Amino acid sequence: MAEVAPQLESRPLGSVKTSLTVLAALSGLVALYVRFNKIGALLSPDVPTDTLKRLVKLRQYYTVCYVLSECTALFGVALRYQGASVREVIPFFLGALILFGLCYPRLPSDPGSG
């Protein structure tokens, strides 16, 4: 499938590019926070919560992590749609792929206890 190029040949405004870059970075940082602080705390074996509650919380946190990872890529799509070059938006997509890899769901190490 061929890439659909924007109809306008104009470049995106510097402020638009900067704001989308900042928003992508913030969503990536929040995704990392959720992954390593919130999910990491639930994955530790010494958490004294019920297994079912842990799994429900894990599903919620992983969903948030994936949504924030996808936001990073969507900000790149928005920038590309406004006329940015492919070289300018590749970091958005690479960042999203890295975040997707880090947010890959893992079960707690002891799903039977709790």
N, C-alpha and C. Protein backbone atom coordinates (compact mmCIF):
# COMPACT_ATOMS: atom_id res chain seq x y z
N MET A 1 0.85 -1.17 0.00
CA MET A 1 0.00 0.00 0.00
C MET A 1 0.90 1.23 0.00
N ALA A 2 0.66 2.12 -0.90
CA ALA A 2 1.48 3.32 -1.02
C ALA A 2 1.15 4.30 0.08
N GLU A 3 2.15 5.09 0.43
CA GLU A 3 1.96 6.10 1.47
C GLU A 3 1.15 7.25 0.91
N VAL A 4 0.18 7.71 1.66
CA VAL A 4 -0.64 8.83 1.24
C VAL A 4 0.05 10.10 1.70
N ALA A 5 0.51 10.91 0.76
CA ALA A 5 1.20 12.15 1.09
C ALA A 5 0.18 13.25 1.33
N PRO A 6 0.51 14.19 2.19
CA PRO A 6 -0.40 15.31 2.42
C PRO A 6 -0.61 16.11 1.13
N GLN A 7 -1.78 16.67 0.96
CA GLN A 7 -2.10 17.44 -0.23
C GLN A 7 -1.36 18.78 -0.26
N LEU A 8 -1.12 19.35 0.89
CA LEU A 8 -0.44 20.63 0.97
C LEU A 8 1.07 20.40 1.04
N GLU A 9 1.80 21.26 0.39
CA GLU A 9 3.26 21.14 0.40
C GLU A 9 3.88 21.97 1.52
N SER A 10 3.08 22.60 2.34
CA SER A 10 3.62 23.46 3.39
C SER A 10 4.15 22.61 4.54
N ARG A 11 5.08 23.16 5.26
CA ARG A 11 5.69 22.52 6.40
C ARG A 11 4.86 22.84 7.65
N PRO A 12 4.86 21.97 8.64
CA PRO A 12 4.12 22.30 9.87
C PRO A 12 4.80 23.45 10.61
N LEU A 13 4.02 24.20 11.31
CA LEU A 13 4.58 25.30 12.10
C LEU A 13 5.53 24.76 13.16
N GLY A 14 6.53 25.55 13.49
CA GLY A 14 7.49 25.13 14.51
C GLY A 14 6.84 24.87 15.85
N SER A 15 5.83 25.69 16.19
CA SER A 15 5.16 25.51 17.48
C SER A 15 4.34 24.22 17.49
N VAL A 16 3.75 23.87 16.35
CA VAL A 16 2.98 22.63 16.27
C VAL A 16 3.90 21.43 16.41
N LYS A 17 5.02 21.48 15.71
CA LYS A 17 5.98 20.38 15.79
C LYS A 17 6.52 20.24 17.21
N THR A 18 6.85 21.36 17.82
CA THR A 18 7.37 21.32 19.19
C THR A 18 6.33 20.80 20.16
N SER A 19 5.10 21.25 20.03
CA SER A 19 4.06 20.80 20.96
C SER A 19 3.76 19.32 20.79
N LEU A 20 3.73 18.83 19.55
CA LEU A 20 3.49 17.40 19.35
C LEU A 20 4.66 16.56 19.87
N THR A 21 5.87 17.08 19.72
CA THR A 21 7.04 16.38 20.26
C THR A 21 7.00 16.33 21.78
N VAL A 22 6.62 17.43 22.40
CA VAL A 22 6.53 17.46 23.87
C VAL A 22 5.42 16.53 24.35
N LEU A 23 4.28 16.55 23.67
CA LEU A 23 3.18 15.66 24.06
C LEU A 23 3.57 14.19 23.90
N ALA A 24 4.29 13.87 22.83
CA ALA A 24 4.74 12.49 22.63
C ALA A 24 5.73 12.09 23.72
N ALA A 25 6.63 12.98 24.07
CA ALA A 25 7.60 12.68 25.13
C ALA A 25 6.90 12.50 26.47
N LEU A 26 5.93 13.35 26.75
CA LEU A 26 5.19 13.23 28.02
C LEU A 26 4.39 11.93 28.08
N SER A 27 3.74 11.56 26.98
CA SER A 27 2.99 10.31 27.00
C SER A 27 3.93 9.12 27.14
N GLY A 28 5.11 9.20 26.54
CA GLY A 28 6.09 8.14 26.70
C GLY A 28 6.60 8.04 28.13
N LEU A 29 6.84 9.18 28.75
CA LEU A 29 7.31 9.17 30.15
C LEU A 29 6.24 8.63 31.09
N VAL A 30 5.00 9.00 30.85
CA VAL A 30 3.91 8.49 31.69
C VAL A 30 3.75 6.98 31.48
N ALA A 31 3.91 6.53 30.24
CA ALA A 31 3.84 5.08 29.97
C ALA A 31 4.96 4.35 30.71
N LEU A 32 6.15 4.92 30.72
CA LEU A 32 7.26 4.31 31.46
C LEU A 32 7.00 4.31 32.97
N TYR A 33 6.41 5.40 33.47
CA TYR A 33 6.07 5.47 34.89
C TYR A 33 5.06 4.38 35.26
N VAL A 34 4.02 4.25 34.44
CA VAL A 34 3.00 3.22 34.70
C VAL A 34 3.63 1.84 34.65
N ARG A 35 4.49 1.62 33.65
CA ARG A 35 5.09 0.29 33.47
C ARG A 35 6.01 -0.08 34.62
N PHE A 36 6.90 0.82 35.01
CA PHE A 36 7.92 0.44 35.98
C PHE A 36 7.54 0.73 37.42
N ASN A 37 6.64 1.67 37.67
CA ASN A 37 6.24 1.93 39.06
C ASN A 37 4.95 1.22 39.43
N LYS A 38 3.91 1.45 38.67
CA LYS A 38 2.61 0.87 39.00
C LYS A 38 2.57 -0.64 38.72
N ILE A 39 2.95 -1.02 37.50
CA ILE A 39 2.91 -2.43 37.15
C ILE A 39 4.01 -3.20 37.88
N GLY A 40 5.17 -2.58 38.01
CA GLY A 40 6.26 -3.24 38.72
C GLY A 40 5.92 -3.56 40.16
N ALA A 41 5.17 -2.66 40.81
CA ALA A 41 4.76 -2.92 42.19
C ALA A 41 3.79 -4.09 42.27
N LEU A 42 2.91 -4.21 41.28
CA LEU A 42 1.96 -5.33 41.29
C LEU A 42 2.61 -6.65 40.91
N LEU A 43 3.69 -6.60 40.15
CA LEU A 43 4.36 -7.83 39.74
C LEU A 43 5.28 -8.40 40.81
N SER A 44 5.61 -7.60 41.82
CA SER A 44 6.49 -8.12 42.87
C SER A 44 5.74 -9.18 43.69
N PRO A 45 6.43 -10.24 44.07
CA PRO A 45 5.75 -11.35 44.75
C PRO A 45 5.32 -11.04 46.19
N ASP A 46 5.81 -9.97 46.78
CA ASP A 46 5.46 -9.68 48.17
C ASP A 46 4.27 -8.75 48.32
N VAL A 47 3.46 -8.58 47.27
CA VAL A 47 2.27 -7.75 47.35
C VAL A 47 1.16 -8.57 48.02
N PRO A 48 0.59 -8.08 49.15
CA PRO A 48 -0.40 -8.87 49.90
C PRO A 48 -1.84 -8.66 49.42
N THR A 49 -2.07 -8.70 48.11
CA THR A 49 -3.43 -8.53 47.60
C THR A 49 -3.93 -9.83 46.98
N ASP A 50 -5.21 -9.91 46.81
CA ASP A 50 -5.84 -11.07 46.21
C ASP A 50 -5.39 -11.19 44.75
N THR A 51 -5.22 -12.42 44.29
CA THR A 51 -4.73 -12.66 42.93
C THR A 51 -5.67 -12.09 41.88
N LEU A 52 -6.97 -12.26 42.06
CA LEU A 52 -7.93 -11.76 41.09
C LEU A 52 -7.86 -10.24 41.00
N LYS A 53 -7.75 -9.56 42.14
CA LYS A 53 -7.65 -8.11 42.14
C LYS A 53 -6.35 -7.66 41.48
N ARG A 54 -5.28 -8.39 41.72
CA ARG A 54 -3.99 -8.05 41.09
C ARG A 54 -4.09 -8.17 39.57
N LEU A 55 -4.72 -9.25 39.10
CA LEU A 55 -4.83 -9.44 37.65
C LEU A 55 -5.71 -8.38 37.00
N VAL A 56 -6.78 -7.98 37.67
CA VAL A 56 -7.64 -6.92 37.13
C VAL A 56 -6.88 -5.61 37.07
N LYS A 57 -6.15 -5.29 38.13
CA LYS A 57 -5.35 -4.06 38.16
C LYS A 57 -4.25 -4.09 37.10
N LEU A 58 -3.62 -5.26 36.92
CA LEU A 58 -2.59 -5.40 35.90
C LEU A 58 -3.16 -5.14 34.51
N ARG A 59 -4.35 -5.70 34.25
CA ARG A 59 -4.98 -5.49 32.94
C ARG A 59 -5.25 -4.02 32.71
N GLN A 60 -5.73 -3.32 33.74
CA GLN A 60 -6.00 -1.90 33.61
C GLN A 60 -4.72 -1.11 33.34
N TYR A 61 -3.69 -1.40 34.09
CA TYR A 61 -2.43 -0.68 33.91
C TYR A 61 -1.79 -0.97 32.55
N TYR A 62 -1.84 -2.23 32.11
CA TYR A 62 -1.30 -2.55 30.79
C TYR A 62 -2.08 -1.86 29.69
N THR A 63 -3.40 -1.74 29.84
CA THR A 63 -4.20 -1.04 28.85
C THR A 63 -3.80 0.43 28.79
N VAL A 64 -3.63 1.06 29.93
CA VAL A 64 -3.19 2.46 29.97
C VAL A 64 -1.81 2.59 29.33
N CYS A 65 -0.93 1.65 29.62
CA CYS A 65 0.41 1.67 29.07
C CYS A 65 0.37 1.58 27.54
N TYR A 66 -0.46 0.70 27.01
CA TYR A 66 -0.58 0.56 25.56
C TYR A 66 -1.20 1.80 24.93
N VAL A 67 -2.19 2.39 25.57
CA VAL A 67 -2.83 3.59 25.03
C VAL A 67 -1.81 4.73 24.94
N LEU A 68 -1.02 4.89 25.99
CA LEU A 68 -0.01 5.95 25.98
C LEU A 68 1.08 5.68 24.95
N SER A 69 1.42 4.42 24.75
CA SER A 69 2.39 4.07 23.72
C SER A 69 1.84 4.38 22.33
N GLU A 70 0.58 4.10 22.14
CA GLU A 70 -0.05 4.38 20.85
C GLU A 70 -0.16 5.88 20.60
N CYS A 71 -0.36 6.64 21.65
CA CYS A 71 -0.42 8.10 21.51
C CYS A 71 0.89 8.65 20.93
N THR A 72 2.00 8.08 21.33
CA THR A 72 3.28 8.52 20.80
C THR A 72 3.32 8.35 19.28
N ALA A 73 2.86 7.23 18.79
CA ALA A 73 2.84 7.01 17.34
C ALA A 73 1.81 7.91 16.66
N LEU A 74 0.67 8.12 17.30
CA LEU A 74 -0.36 8.96 16.69
C LEU A 74 0.07 10.42 16.59
N PHE A 75 0.88 10.89 17.52
CA PHE A 75 1.42 12.24 17.40
C PHE A 75 2.34 12.33 16.19
N GLY A 76 3.08 11.27 15.90
CA GLY A 76 3.90 11.23 14.70
C GLY A 76 3.05 11.22 13.43
N VAL A 77 1.94 10.49 13.46
CA VAL A 77 1.03 10.47 12.31
C VAL A 77 0.46 11.87 12.08
N ALA A 78 0.07 12.54 13.15
CA ALA A 78 -0.47 13.89 13.02
C ALA A 78 0.57 14.84 12.44
N LEU A 79 1.79 14.70 12.87
CA LEU A 79 2.86 15.55 12.35
C LEU A 79 3.13 15.26 10.88
N ARG A 80 3.11 13.99 10.51
CA ARG A 80 3.32 13.61 9.11
C ARG A 80 2.17 14.12 8.24
N TYR A 81 0.97 14.05 8.75
CA TYR A 81 -0.20 14.52 8.01
C TYR A 81 -0.11 16.02 7.75
N GLN A 82 0.53 16.74 8.65
CA GLN A 82 0.66 18.19 8.50
C GLN A 82 1.82 18.58 7.60
N GLY A 83 2.55 17.60 7.09
CA GLY A 83 3.57 17.91 6.11
C GLY A 83 5.00 17.66 6.53
N ALA A 84 5.23 17.07 7.68
CA ALA A 84 6.58 16.78 8.12
C ALA A 84 7.16 15.65 7.28
N SER A 85 8.48 15.62 7.18
CA SER A 85 9.12 14.56 6.40
C SER A 85 9.12 13.25 7.18
N VAL A 86 9.40 12.18 6.46
CA VAL A 86 9.45 10.87 7.10
C VAL A 86 10.57 10.84 8.15
N ARG A 87 11.68 11.49 7.85
CA ARG A 87 12.80 11.52 8.81
C ARG A 87 12.41 12.20 10.12
N GLU A 88 11.50 13.14 10.05
CA GLU A 88 11.09 13.85 11.26
C GLU A 88 10.14 13.03 12.12
N VAL A 89 9.42 12.09 11.53
CA VAL A 89 8.45 11.33 12.30
C VAL A 89 8.91 9.93 12.68
N ILE A 90 10.02 9.47 12.13
CA ILE A 90 10.53 8.15 12.48
C ILE A 90 10.79 8.00 13.98
N PRO A 91 11.35 9.01 14.68
CA PRO A 91 11.55 8.85 16.13
C PRO A 91 10.25 8.58 16.90
N PHE A 92 9.14 9.13 16.43
CA PHE A 92 7.86 8.88 17.09
C PHE A 92 7.49 7.40 17.00
N PHE A 93 7.66 6.83 15.80
CA PHE A 93 7.29 5.43 15.59
C PHE A 93 8.26 4.48 16.29
N LEU A 94 9.55 4.80 16.27
CA LEU A 94 10.51 3.97 16.98
C LEU A 94 10.28 4.01 18.49
N GLY A 95 9.97 5.20 19.00
CA GLY A 95 9.65 5.32 20.42
C GLY A 95 8.43 4.51 20.80
N ALA A 96 7.41 4.53 19.94
CA ALA A 96 6.20 3.75 20.21
C ALA A 96 6.50 2.25 20.19
N LEU A 97 7.33 1.80 19.25
CA LEU A 97 7.69 0.38 19.20
C LEU A 97 8.45 -0.05 20.45
N ILE A 98 9.35 0.80 20.92
CA ILE A 98 10.09 0.48 22.15
C ILE A 98 9.14 0.42 23.33
N LEU A 99 8.22 1.37 23.40
CA LEU A 99 7.24 1.36 24.50
C LEU A 99 6.33 0.14 24.43
N PHE A 100 5.93 -0.26 23.22
CA PHE A 100 5.12 -1.47 23.08
C PHE A 100 5.88 -2.69 23.60
N GLY A 101 7.16 -2.76 23.28
CA GLY A 101 7.97 -3.88 23.77
C GLY A 101 8.11 -3.88 25.28
N LEU A 102 8.27 -2.71 25.87
CA LEU A 102 8.40 -2.63 27.32
C LEU A 102 7.08 -2.91 28.03
N CYS A 103 5.98 -2.61 27.37
CA CYS A 103 4.67 -2.79 27.99
C CYS A 103 4.05 -4.14 27.68
N TYR A 104 4.84 -5.06 27.16
CA TYR A 104 4.30 -6.39 26.86
C TYR A 104 3.82 -7.04 28.16
N PRO A 105 2.59 -7.53 28.21
CA PRO A 105 2.03 -8.06 29.46
C PRO A 105 2.80 -9.25 30.02
N ARG A 106 2.98 -9.23 31.33
CA ARG A 106 3.61 -10.32 32.07
C ARG A 106 2.72 -10.66 33.26
N LEU A 107 2.61 -11.92 33.56
CA LEU A 107 1.84 -12.32 34.74
C LEU A 107 2.72 -12.21 35.98
N PRO A 108 2.10 -12.07 37.15
CA PRO A 108 2.89 -12.10 38.38
C PRO A 108 3.65 -13.41 38.51
N SER A 109 4.76 -13.37 39.21
CA SER A 109 5.60 -14.58 39.33
C SER A 109 4.93 -15.67 40.12
N ASP A 110 3.94 -15.34 40.95
CA ASP A 110 3.26 -16.37 41.76
C ASP A 110 1.74 -16.19 41.62
N PRO A 111 1.15 -16.55 40.48
CA PRO A 111 -0.29 -16.31 40.32
C PRO A 111 -1.16 -17.16 41.24
N GLY A 112 -0.64 -18.22 41.82
CA GLY A 112 -1.44 -19.08 42.69
C GLY A 112 -1.56 -18.58 44.11
N SER A 113 -0.62 -17.77 44.55
CA SER A 113 -0.66 -17.29 45.93
C SER A 113 -1.23 -15.89 45.97
N GLY A 114 -1.58 -15.43 47.14
CA GLY A 114 -2.06 -14.06 47.25
C GLY A 114 -3.04 -13.96 48.31
